[in-house]
Protein backbone atom coordinates (compact mmCIF):
# COMPACT_ATOMS: atom_id res chain seq x y z
CA MET A 1 15.57 -95.77 12.23
CA PHE A 2 13.80 -93.43 14.69
CA LYS A 3 16.02 -93.05 17.76
CA LYS A 4 14.11 -90.63 20.01
CA LEU A 5 11.79 -87.68 20.15
CA GLU A 6 14.24 -84.80 19.82
CA CYS A 7 11.82 -81.96 20.47
CA VAL A 8 8.44 -80.44 19.87
CA CYS A 9 8.62 -77.01 18.30
CA ILE A 10 5.69 -74.67 18.92
CA HIS A 11 4.85 -71.34 17.33
CA THR A 12 4.51 -68.12 19.26
CA ASP A 13 3.79 -64.57 18.14
CA SER A 14 5.70 -63.21 21.15
CA ILE A 15 8.89 -65.17 21.69
CA GLU A 16 9.99 -63.15 24.73
CA LYS A 17 6.60 -63.50 26.45
CA SER A 18 6.58 -67.26 25.76
CA LEU A 19 10.18 -67.61 26.93
CA SER A 20 9.29 -65.85 30.17
CA PHE A 21 6.26 -68.11 30.71
CA TYR A 22 8.01 -71.43 30.02
CA THR A 23 11.05 -70.54 32.11
CA SER A 24 8.69 -69.65 34.96
CA MET A 25 7.34 -73.21 34.58
CA GLY A 26 10.80 -74.68 35.28
CA LEU A 27 12.33 -74.96 31.80
CA THR A 28 15.73 -73.41 31.08
CA GLU A 29 17.03 -71.83 27.89
CA ASN A 30 19.55 -74.20 26.30
CA TRP A 31 20.26 -72.55 22.93
CA LYS A 32 19.05 -69.78 20.63
CA ILE A 33 19.37 -69.18 16.89
CA GLU A 34 18.36 -65.90 15.29
CA ARG A 35 18.05 -65.24 11.57
CA ILE A 36 16.92 -62.28 9.52
CA LEU A 37 14.36 -63.33 6.89
CA ASP A 38 14.23 -61.82 3.39
CA ASP A 39 11.53 -59.35 4.48
CA GLY A 40 13.72 -58.16 7.40
CA PHE A 41 11.78 -60.10 10.06
CA ASN A 42 13.93 -61.24 13.00
CA TRP A 43 13.13 -64.97 13.32
CA ALA A 44 14.25 -66.77 16.46
CA ILE A 45 14.15 -70.34 17.66
CA ILE A 46 14.93 -71.14 21.28
CA GLY A 47 15.53 -74.59 22.74
CA LEU A 48 14.26 -75.14 26.27
CA LYS A 49 15.40 -77.97 28.54
CA PHE A 50 13.21 -79.72 31.06
CA PRO A 51 14.56 -80.47 34.54
CA GLU A 52 14.72 -84.21 33.72
CA LYS A 53 18.04 -84.64 31.89
CA GLU A 54 16.77 -87.41 29.58
CA SER A 55 13.76 -85.39 28.42
CA SER A 56 13.29 -84.06 24.93
CA GLU A 57 13.27 -80.28 24.43
CA LEU A 58 10.50 -77.79 23.90
CA VAL A 59 11.45 -75.34 21.15
CA LEU A 60 9.88 -71.92 20.61
CA SER A 61 9.69 -70.36 17.14
CA ASN A 62 8.26 -67.06 15.99
CA HIS A 63 8.56 -67.76 12.23
CA PRO A 64 5.75 -65.78 10.58
CA LYS A 65 4.90 -68.49 8.01
CA ASN A 66 5.41 -71.64 10.11
CA LYS A 67 2.54 -71.27 12.55
CA PHE A 68 2.19 -74.95 13.40
CA THR A 69 3.61 -77.52 15.78
CA GLU A 70 6.60 -79.57 14.58
CA VAL A 71 7.52 -82.97 15.97
CA GLU A 72 11.25 -83.56 15.51
CA ILE A 73 12.61 -87.12 15.52
CA LEU A 74 16.31 -87.89 15.91
CA VAL A 75 17.76 -90.34 13.39
CA GLU A 76 21.37 -91.41 12.96
CA ASP A 77 21.80 -90.21 9.36
CA VAL A 78 19.07 -88.08 7.77
CA ARG A 79 20.28 -88.63 4.20
CA GLN A 80 20.46 -92.40 4.66
CA VAL A 81 16.96 -92.54 6.20
CA HIS A 82 15.66 -90.37 3.35
CA ARG A 83 17.14 -92.75 0.75
CA LYS A 84 15.62 -95.77 2.47
CA LEU A 85 12.18 -94.25 3.10
CA SER A 86 12.01 -92.77 -0.42
CA LYS A 87 11.31 -96.32 -1.63
CA ASN A 88 7.95 -96.13 0.16
CA ASP A 89 5.46 -94.41 -2.18
CA GLU A 90 3.13 -93.66 0.73
CA ILE A 91 5.60 -91.20 2.28
CA ARG A 92 5.50 -87.65 0.92
CA TRP A 93 8.68 -85.61 1.26
CA ILE A 94 7.88 -82.00 2.06
CA ARG A 95 11.60 -81.09 2.17
CA PRO A 96 14.42 -83.41 1.16
CA PRO A 97 17.55 -83.40 3.35
CA PHE A 98 19.32 -80.06 3.76
CA ALA A 99 22.30 -79.00 5.85
CA THR A 100 21.93 -77.06 9.11
CA GLU A 101 24.29 -75.85 11.84
CA SER A 102 24.11 -79.23 13.58
CA GLY A 103 23.82 -81.74 10.71
CA HIS A 104 20.92 -82.37 8.34
CA VAL A 105 17.14 -82.04 8.38
CA ALA A 106 14.34 -83.48 6.21
CA VAL A 107 10.58 -83.11 6.51
CA MET A 108 8.24 -85.99 5.71
CA GLU A 109 4.54 -86.69 5.80
CA ALA A 110 3.84 -90.22 7.01
CA PRO A 111 1.15 -92.37 5.37
CA ASP A 112 -1.24 -91.43 8.21
CA GLY A 113 -0.88 -87.71 7.36
CA ASN A 114 1.31 -86.77 10.34
CA VAL A 115 4.33 -84.61 9.58
CA PHE A 116 7.74 -85.28 11.12
CA VAL A 117 10.98 -83.33 10.98
CA LEU A 118 13.90 -85.75 10.86
CA VAL A 119 17.11 -84.41 12.41
CA GLY A 120 20.58 -85.95 12.65
CA LYS A 121 23.92 -86.04 10.91
């Protein structure tokens, strides 16, 4: 079911300062999504590519409530994986599948307590 490590998303209070630092380390900006939250906060997520083409991405986020590291795993079909894994009572679903710009996302806590963001179609 798990295909590859898609990215690791890290929190930053200063997205521009972090972007400047990581690009100075050799990463390049690949994509950027900006959203205005209900309280008017300008939330941004920026995907950074490593020089090695087959590498996963490092993603920066300045979301004021999500101040933790996210490990994103690529799966073929998020909804199908959710249906299959929902049969396992040891998995806790933090967020069931929901649509995004690029497909679907779901957030699960594995039996060992680690949290994974599943991304795919």
